[in-house]
Structures are given as C-alpha cells and as structure tokens.
Amino acid sequence: MGSYIIRRFLLMIPTMIGITILLFCIMRLAPGDPAAIASGAMGAAGEGQVATDSNVEDAAAKFRARYRLDQPILNQYGFWIASVAKLDFGNEFFRPNVKVRDEIFKRLKVTVPLAIVSVVLSYLIALPLGIFSAVKSGTLIDRGSSFIVFLLYAVPTFWAGLMLILIFGATGLDWLPVLGLHDKDADTFTRGQYIWDVVRHCVLPVVCLTYGSFAYLSRQMRVGMLDVIRQDYIRTARAKGLSERTVVMKHALRNSLIPVVTLFASVLPILIGGSVIVESVFSIPGMGLYAFEGIVQRDYNVVMATVTFSALLTLVGFLISDITYVFVDPRIAYD
C-alpha cells in the first residue's frame, strides 16, 4: 500500500504540469486584457494625469512589463511554474501588495469547512436514502423519493440560493441571515455568540451545497444496492433464514458502496467549484468568490492559483477513493 501511494503521488506531478499548461494556454487565449482593465482612463486619472490615449498606453505597457505579460507565453509559463514550485503564486494584479498564496489560505479556511460539512451531510443523507429506496424498490415510497430527488437535482444552485434568501431572509420569514459569515456587530459577541452567529450564517449556503450532491449520490447508492441484492449470494443468505436487516447491512452494503466511494473523487472538487455560485449568491469570502472575482478582473494569478488547487483536490480525491476501496472490499489489493 505504501509503495502504491508513493507511485500515485509521483504520477500526480506530470498530471498537474499537464493541467497547468492547458489552463495557462486557455487563460491567455481567453478574451479580455488585464493590462487594459488596470490602465483604463480612471487608472490614469488616479495618478493625477489627464486620461489621454498615450497615458493609458504607457500605463498598460508598465503593467505588462511588471507581470511579464509582454514576454513570450513559454517564458511566462516558465516563470510561473518556477514560482509555484516555491509555493509562490505571485501577487494580485489589482492589489499588488496582496500575495495570492496568503489570500487563498485565508479563503480556504472558509470554503473547506463548508465543503467538508456538505460532503458529510450528503453521504449521511444519501446512503440511508439509497439503501431504503433499493429495499423498497417499485413501491410508492421509492417512486415518491425518486421524484423528489430528481426534482432537487434539477434545481439550479443559483435559483435555489435566491429562493432561500427570499423565503428565510429579511424579505420573508426573517429566520436566518443571508449575507456573509458574520453579523456586523460580531466583534462585540462572546465566543459562544460568535460561533452561533457563524452557524446561522452557514445554514443556507450548506443547504445549497448539499442538496444536489446527496440527490445524485442517493441515486447511485440505490442503483448499486439494487445490483447487489439481486445477486445469487444474497438469495442464499435469505434462504438461510437471515433477517432482512442482516442481509442488507452485512452482506449487501459493502459491495454496493464501491460506486459511491468512486464518486468521492469528484464530490469534493465539485463542491469547491460549486462554491463559486453559492459564495457569490451569499457573499461569502471564500475560494469560490475569489475565483469569480479573478475571472471578472482577468487576474491570471488568482485564476491559475484557484483552479490549480481545485485540480489538486481532484487528484487527491481519486487517491482517497482508491485507498478506500481496500477497506470496502478486502479482495482489492495494490501489491
């Protein structure tokens, strides 16, 4: 197992390099020029100059030279990957004193806990629901739960977020806060009050991050369980007189978990990516909102850093899935 994990980590290096090359080329080919955005008429005027065409062009040229955007793309990538090797993602284009690495670590403290809570809730809801639907396959309960789950999966995240704001926010029932992570007076709260305030602010974002994932996972769990409980060894276990609970939970559950474990590789990165919408709707200062702001401003350093982290999470998710297979099915070995 140890040698397998080491090999997988080593394989991640060329994979990540390939991902960053593709991403780097896409970013440079995308429409929009950060130098033009940074050196507009307002930027020139902000330096006490008259906003003329020559001033704007001079400011754009200085901006490109500062961030090496005037060099060949191969040189740009070489400089960027050398900086990343030292865990330095550069500075933001429009806040030159802010390091992207420091900002990402600060934003990850917001996004990752929300994503982990959403993943745990998704599995806690999806696994029992999928098992129950499979055991009650074809009944009215199974059809009703399937209809509700498919309906939830079809609801767009941004629309669900806006509806939750209208229903539970100040414009509706006024039960929960809908913007940010803290109340404006959070600095005056005691520790207990502060924690409770954060929990209340996180309820609606977590709901938005969770409902789509558990809906998808529950269907996969149902399909996997249905496939297993129709096997001959399950019929044999029932013929021996074992209770239905023992047959399902002891003999069928383990083998039906493999497809759901496989999906873990994509659930966590999807939640990080999906947080772009959720964090934008609820104004949460996390990785998703940071990536969105970087895309809007054409801040290459921000976008490259956030997407690289998402790609790394995807690869780590695949590794965790592969390792988990051994615990789910002892027949699998990596020798």
Protein backbone atom coordinates (compact mmCIF):
# COMPACT_ATOMS: atom_id res chain seq x y z
CA MET A 1 0.00 0.00 0.00
CA GLY A 2 2.81 2.40 0.91
CA SER A 3 4.61 1.92 -2.41
CA TYR A 4 1.32 2.37 -4.28
CA ILE A 5 0.62 5.69 -2.55
CA ILE A 6 4.15 6.90 -3.33
CA ARG A 7 3.75 5.95 -7.01
CA ARG A 8 0.44 7.77 -7.18
CA PHE A 9 1.93 10.90 -5.66
CA LEU A 10 4.77 10.79 -8.17
CA LEU A 11 2.28 10.40 -11.03
CA MET A 12 0.46 13.49 -9.79
CA ILE A 13 3.44 15.67 -10.72
CA PRO A 14 3.30 15.23 -14.54
CA THR A 15 -0.51 15.26 -14.38
CA MET A 16 -0.52 18.59 -12.57
CA ILE A 17 2.04 20.00 -15.01
CA GLY A 18 -0.18 18.99 -17.94
CA ILE A 19 -3.21 20.56 -16.28
CA THR A 20 -1.39 23.83 -15.60
CA ILE A 21 -0.08 24.03 -19.19
CA LEU A 22 -3.58 23.57 -20.58
CA LEU A 23 -5.03 26.07 -18.11
CA PHE A 24 -2.28 28.59 -18.78
CA CYS A 25 -2.92 28.48 -22.53
CA ILE A 26 -6.69 28.78 -22.09
CA MET A 27 -6.28 31.81 -19.83
CA ARG A 28 -4.04 33.57 -22.30
CA LEU A 29 -6.37 32.79 -25.23
CA ALA A 30 -9.49 33.95 -23.36
CA PRO A 31 -10.86 37.37 -24.34
CA GLY A 32 -10.04 40.31 -22.10
CA ASP A 33 -6.78 42.10 -21.32
CA PRO A 34 -5.90 42.70 -17.65
CA ALA A 35 -3.50 45.45 -18.68
CA ALA A 36 -6.32 47.31 -20.44
CA ILE A 37 -8.56 46.89 -17.40
CA ALA A 38 -5.88 48.07 -14.99
CA SER A 39 -4.79 51.03 -17.09
CA GLY A 40 -8.14 52.49 -18.14
CA ALA A 41 -8.89 56.18 -18.19
CA MET A 42 -9.78 56.12 -14.47
CA GLY A 43 -6.47 54.45 -13.63
CA ALA A 44 -4.52 57.11 -15.47
CA ALA A 45 -6.54 59.88 -13.88
CA GLY A 46 -5.96 58.32 -10.46
CA GLU A 47 -2.26 59.07 -10.83
CA GLY A 48 -3.01 62.76 -11.23
CA GLN A 49 -2.67 62.69 -15.00
CA VAL A 50 -5.02 63.64 -17.77
CA ALA A 51 -6.60 60.46 -19.12
CA THR A 52 -5.23 60.55 -22.66
CA ASP A 53 -4.60 57.69 -25.05
CA SER A 54 -0.83 57.98 -24.57
CA ASN A 55 -1.13 57.86 -20.77
CA VAL A 56 -3.36 54.81 -20.95
CA GLU A 57 -0.97 53.03 -23.32
CA ASP A 58 2.04 53.86 -21.15
CA ALA A 59 0.24 52.54 -18.07
CA ALA A 60 -0.69 49.35 -19.94
CA ALA A 61 2.91 48.84 -21.07
CA LYS A 62 4.19 49.27 -17.49
CA PHE A 63 1.57 46.82 -16.24
CA ARG A 64 2.56 44.18 -18.81
CA ALA A 65 6.25 44.63 -18.03
CA ARG A 66 5.64 44.34 -14.26
CA TYR A 67 3.84 40.99 -14.63
CA ARG A 68 5.88 39.76 -17.63
CA LEU A 69 2.80 39.77 -19.88
CA ASP A 70 4.92 41.29 -22.66
CA GLN A 71 7.11 38.18 -22.85
CA PRO A 72 6.52 35.03 -24.95
CA ILE A 73 3.95 32.69 -23.40
CA LEU A 74 6.57 29.97 -22.88
CA ASN A 75 8.69 32.36 -20.79
CA GLN A 76 5.61 33.42 -18.84
CA TYR A 77 4.76 29.83 -18.03
CA GLY A 78 8.34 29.00 -17.07
CA PHE A 79 8.44 31.90 -14.62
CA TRP A 80 5.03 30.95 -13.19
CA ILE A 81 5.82 27.26 -12.70
CA ALA A 82 9.15 28.14 -11.09
CA SER A 83 7.31 30.38 -8.63
CA VAL A 84 4.70 27.68 -7.93
CA ALA A 85 7.50 25.20 -7.17
CA LYS A 86 8.39 27.57 -4.31
CA LEU A 87 4.69 27.76 -3.30
CA ASP A 88 4.54 31.33 -4.56
CA PHE A 89 1.57 32.15 -6.81
CA GLY A 90 2.59 35.78 -7.22
CA ASN A 91 0.67 38.89 -6.25
CA GLU A 92 -2.78 40.00 -7.29
CA PHE A 93 -2.85 42.22 -10.36
CA PHE A 94 -5.12 44.86 -8.86
CA ARG A 95 -3.89 44.65 -5.26
CA PRO A 96 -0.12 44.40 -5.81
CA ASN A 97 0.62 44.22 -2.09
CA VAL A 98 -1.55 41.11 -1.58
CA LYS A 99 0.04 37.70 -2.16
CA VAL A 100 -2.30 35.22 -3.86
CA ARG A 101 -0.96 32.38 -1.69
CA ASP A 102 -1.81 34.18 1.55
CA GLU A 103 -5.26 35.14 0.29
CA ILE A 104 -6.01 31.57 -0.83
CA PHE A 105 -5.05 30.12 2.55
CA LYS A 106 -7.33 32.66 4.19
CA ARG A 107 -10.18 31.82 1.83
CA LEU A 108 -9.65 28.06 2.20
CA LYS A 109 -10.40 28.42 5.91
CA VAL A 110 -13.91 29.43 4.83
CA THR A 111 -14.54 27.18 1.83
CA VAL A 112 -13.05 23.88 3.01
CA PRO A 113 -15.08 23.61 6.26
CA LEU A 114 -18.26 24.38 4.32
CA ALA A 115 -17.34 21.76 1.71
CA ILE A 116 -16.48 19.11 4.32
CA VAL A 117 -19.74 19.69 6.20
CA SER A 118 -21.64 19.44 2.90
CA VAL A 119 -19.85 16.20 1.91
CA VAL A 120 -20.54 14.60 5.29
CA LEU A 121 -24.21 15.63 5.19
CA SER A 122 -24.53 14.43 1.60
CA TYR A 123 -23.29 10.94 2.48
CA LEU A 124 -25.25 10.78 5.74
CA ILE A 125 -28.46 11.51 3.83
CA ALA A 126 -27.67 9.74 0.55
CA LEU A 127 -26.58 6.34 1.87
CA PRO A 128 -29.65 5.59 4.02
CA LEU A 129 -31.98 7.04 1.40
CA GLY A 130 -30.39 4.99 -1.39
CA ILE A 131 -30.49 1.80 0.69
CA PHE A 132 -34.11 2.37 1.68
CA SER A 133 -35.16 3.10 -1.91
CA ALA A 134 -33.44 -0.06 -3.16
CA VAL A 135 -35.01 -2.27 -0.49
CA LYS A 136 -38.45 -0.73 -1.22
CA SER A 137 -37.87 -0.75 -4.98
CA GLY A 138 -41.01 -0.30 -7.04
CA THR A 139 -43.16 0.82 -4.11
CA LEU A 140 -44.90 4.16 -3.78
CA ILE A 141 -42.25 5.27 -1.27
CA ASP A 142 -39.46 4.53 -3.75
CA ARG A 143 -41.23 6.37 -6.58
CA GLY A 144 -42.01 9.35 -4.39
CA SER A 145 -38.44 9.67 -3.08
CA SER A 146 -37.07 9.26 -6.61
CA PHE A 147 -39.33 12.05 -7.88
CA ILE A 148 -38.25 14.40 -5.07
CA VAL A 149 -34.57 13.57 -5.53
CA PHE A 150 -34.66 14.11 -9.30
CA LEU A 151 -36.52 17.38 -8.75
CA LEU A 152 -33.87 18.58 -6.31
CA TYR A 153 -31.06 17.57 -8.65
CA ALA A 154 -32.67 19.56 -11.48
CA VAL A 155 -32.95 22.78 -9.45
CA PRO A 156 -30.14 25.24 -10.39
CA THR A 157 -28.00 26.23 -7.43
CA PHE A 158 -28.22 29.98 -8.04
CA TRP A 159 -32.03 29.83 -8.23
CA ALA A 160 -32.23 27.74 -5.06
CA GLY A 161 -29.98 30.22 -3.28
CA LEU A 162 -32.10 33.19 -4.32
CA MET A 163 -35.30 31.41 -3.28
CA LEU A 164 -33.80 30.57 0.12
CA ILE A 165 -32.82 34.22 0.57
CA LEU A 166 -36.34 35.39 -0.31
CA ILE A 167 -38.01 32.82 1.94
CA PHE A 168 -35.77 32.80 5.03
CA GLY A 169 -34.18 36.25 4.79
CA ALA A 170 -35.45 39.65 5.88
CA THR A 171 -37.82 39.84 2.90
CA GLY A 172 -39.58 36.64 4.01
CA LEU A 173 -39.69 34.81 7.32
CA ASP A 174 -36.57 36.60 8.62
CA TRP A 175 -35.33 33.42 10.30
CA LEU A 176 -31.73 33.37 9.07
CA PRO A 177 -29.06 35.83 7.90
CA VAL A 178 -28.37 35.59 4.20
CA LEU A 179 -25.16 37.55 3.55
CA GLY A 180 -21.60 36.98 4.70
CA LEU A 181 -20.37 34.86 7.59
CA HIS A 182 -20.75 37.29 10.47
CA ASP A 183 -23.12 39.89 11.81
CA LYS A 184 -21.92 43.50 11.63
CA ASP A 185 -21.62 43.51 15.44
CA ALA A 186 -19.76 40.17 15.63
CA ASP A 187 -16.72 41.82 17.23
CA THR A 188 -18.77 42.52 20.36
CA PHE A 189 -20.04 38.92 20.71
CA THR A 190 -18.86 36.40 23.26
CA ARG A 191 -17.21 33.23 21.93
CA GLY A 192 -20.45 31.26 22.17
CA GLN A 193 -22.45 34.01 20.50
CA TYR A 194 -19.84 34.31 17.76
CA ILE A 195 -19.94 30.56 16.99
CA TRP A 196 -23.74 30.56 16.94
CA ASP A 197 -23.72 33.57 14.62
CA VAL A 198 -21.38 31.78 12.18
CA VAL A 199 -23.53 28.63 12.29
CA ARG A 200 -26.68 30.62 11.48
CA HIS A 201 -24.93 32.34 8.56
CA CYS A 202 -23.75 28.97 7.19
CA VAL A 203 -27.10 27.16 7.23
CA LEU A 204 -28.40 28.36 3.85
CA PRO A 205 -25.05 28.05 1.99
CA VAL A 206 -24.61 24.50 3.31
CA VAL A 207 -28.14 23.60 2.16
CA CYS A 208 -27.31 24.90 -1.32
CA LEU A 209 -24.06 22.95 -1.44
CA THR A 210 -25.64 19.75 -0.14
CA TYR A 211 -28.95 19.15 -1.89
CA GLY A 212 -27.56 18.46 -5.36
CA SER A 213 -24.80 16.16 -4.10
CA PHE A 214 -26.98 13.99 -1.89
CA ALA A 215 -29.61 13.74 -4.64
CA TYR A 216 -27.01 12.39 -7.08
CA LEU A 217 -25.28 10.15 -4.53
CA SER A 218 -28.56 8.62 -3.33
CA ARG A 219 -29.44 7.53 -6.87
CA GLN A 220 -26.02 5.96 -7.30
CA MET A 221 -26.38 4.20 -3.95
CA ARG A 222 -29.80 2.91 -4.98
CA VAL A 223 -28.50 1.53 -8.28
CA GLY A 224 -25.50 -0.10 -6.61
CA MET A 225 -27.66 -1.68 -3.90
CA LEU A 226 -30.22 -2.94 -6.42
CA ASP A 227 -27.47 -4.60 -8.42
CA VAL A 228 -26.07 -6.34 -5.33
CA ILE A 229 -29.31 -7.55 -3.71
CA ARG A 230 -30.19 -9.37 -6.93
CA GLN A 231 -27.03 -11.48 -6.75
CA ASP A 232 -27.15 -15.21 -6.01
CA TYR A 233 -25.27 -14.97 -2.70
CA ILE A 234 -27.90 -12.54 -1.37
CA ARG A 235 -30.63 -15.04 -2.28
CA THR A 236 -28.60 -17.72 -0.49
CA ALA A 237 -28.30 -15.56 2.63
CA ARG A 238 -32.06 -15.05 2.65
CA ALA A 239 -32.64 -18.78 2.12
CA LYS A 240 -30.58 -19.48 5.25
CA GLY A 241 -33.17 -17.57 7.24
CA LEU A 242 -31.12 -14.44 7.95
CA SER A 243 -33.10 -11.31 8.75
CA GLU A 244 -33.53 -8.73 6.02
CA ARG A 245 -31.58 -6.21 8.09
CA THR A 246 -28.61 -8.61 8.35
CA VAL A 247 -28.74 -9.43 4.66
CA VAL A 248 -28.78 -5.78 3.61
CA MET A 249 -26.42 -4.21 6.15
CA LYS A 250 -23.87 -7.03 6.44
CA HIS A 251 -23.82 -8.81 3.09
CA ALA A 252 -25.06 -6.28 0.52
CA LEU A 253 -23.94 -2.89 1.80
CA ARG A 254 -20.18 -3.30 1.47
CA ASN A 255 -20.23 -4.36 -2.17
CA SER A 256 -22.73 -1.67 -3.12
CA LEU A 257 -20.51 1.07 -1.67
CA ILE A 258 -17.84 0.85 -4.37
CA PRO A 259 -19.62 3.12 -6.92
CA VAL A 260 -20.39 5.67 -4.18
CA VAL A 261 -16.77 5.62 -2.97
CA THR A 262 -15.64 6.25 -6.54
CA LEU A 263 -17.80 9.37 -6.66
CA PHE A 264 -15.96 10.84 -3.67
CA ALA A 265 -13.15 11.71 -6.08
CA SER A 266 -15.42 14.23 -7.78
CA VAL A 267 -17.75 15.33 -4.97
CA LEU A 268 -15.25 17.44 -3.01
CA PRO A 269 -13.80 19.29 -6.06
CA ILE A 270 -17.35 19.85 -7.35
CA LEU A 271 -18.27 21.43 -4.03
CA ILE A 272 -15.22 23.68 -4.23
CA GLY A 273 -16.15 24.62 -7.79
CA GLY A 274 -19.84 24.91 -6.97
CA SER A 275 -18.94 27.31 -4.19
CA VAL A 276 -18.33 29.90 -6.92
CA ILE A 277 -22.10 30.23 -7.30
CA VAL A 278 -23.03 29.74 -3.66
CA GLU A 279 -20.42 32.13 -2.31
CA SER A 280 -21.36 34.75 -4.89
CA VAL A 281 -25.07 34.50 -4.02
CA PHE A 282 -24.49 34.64 -0.25
CA SER A 283 -21.45 36.99 -0.38
CA ILE A 284 -19.20 34.52 1.45
CA PRO A 285 -15.49 35.43 1.25
CA GLY A 286 -14.22 32.00 0.22
CA MET A 287 -12.36 30.39 -2.66
CA GLY A 288 -15.38 30.39 -4.95
CA LEU A 289 -15.96 34.13 -4.68
CA TYR A 290 -12.22 34.72 -5.01
CA ALA A 291 -12.10 32.72 -8.25
CA PHE A 292 -15.14 34.56 -9.60
CA GLU A 293 -13.57 37.94 -8.84
CA GLY A 294 -10.35 36.83 -10.53
CA ILE A 295 -12.22 35.76 -13.68
CA VAL A 296 -14.15 39.03 -13.87
CA GLN A 297 -10.97 41.09 -13.45
CA ARG A 298 -8.89 38.80 -15.69
CA ASP A 299 -6.43 38.34 -12.83
CA TYR A 300 -4.38 35.46 -14.21
CA ASN A 301 -2.55 34.77 -10.95
CA VAL A 302 -5.78 34.40 -8.97
CA VAL A 303 -7.49 32.18 -11.55
CA MET A 304 -4.44 29.97 -12.07
CA ALA A 305 -4.00 29.50 -8.33
CA THR A 306 -7.63 28.70 -7.55
CA VAL A 307 -8.07 26.28 -10.46
CA THR A 308 -4.74 24.60 -9.68
CA PHE A 309 -5.93 23.99 -6.12
CA SER A 310 -9.19 22.53 -7.45
CA ALA A 311 -7.26 20.22 -9.79
CA LEU A 312 -5.05 19.12 -6.89
CA LEU A 313 -8.15 18.37 -4.80
CA THR A 314 -9.50 16.24 -7.65
CA LEU A 315 -6.32 14.15 -7.81
CA VAL A 316 -6.23 13.77 -4.04
CA GLY A 317 -9.90 12.73 -4.15
CA PHE A 318 -9.09 9.96 -6.64
CA LEU A 319 -6.26 8.77 -4.41
CA ILE A 320 -8.50 8.69 -1.33
CA SER A 321 -11.12 6.77 -3.32
CA ASP A 322 -8.58 4.18 -4.42
CA ILE A 323 -7.30 3.71 -0.87
CA THR A 324 -10.86 3.42 0.47
CA TYR A 325 -11.55 0.54 -1.94
CA VAL A 326 -9.34 -1.71 0.19
CA PHE A 327 -11.46 -1.11 3.27
CA VAL A 328 -14.75 -1.51 1.39
CA ASP A 329 -13.70 -4.66 -0.49
CA PRO A 330 -10.77 -6.66 1.02
CA ARG A 331 -10.40 -8.55 -2.27
CA ILE A 332 -8.85 -5.42 -3.79
CA ALA A 333 -5.10 -5.15 -3.28
CA TYR A 334 -2.40 -2.81 -4.60
CA ASP A 335 0.64 -5.07 -4.42
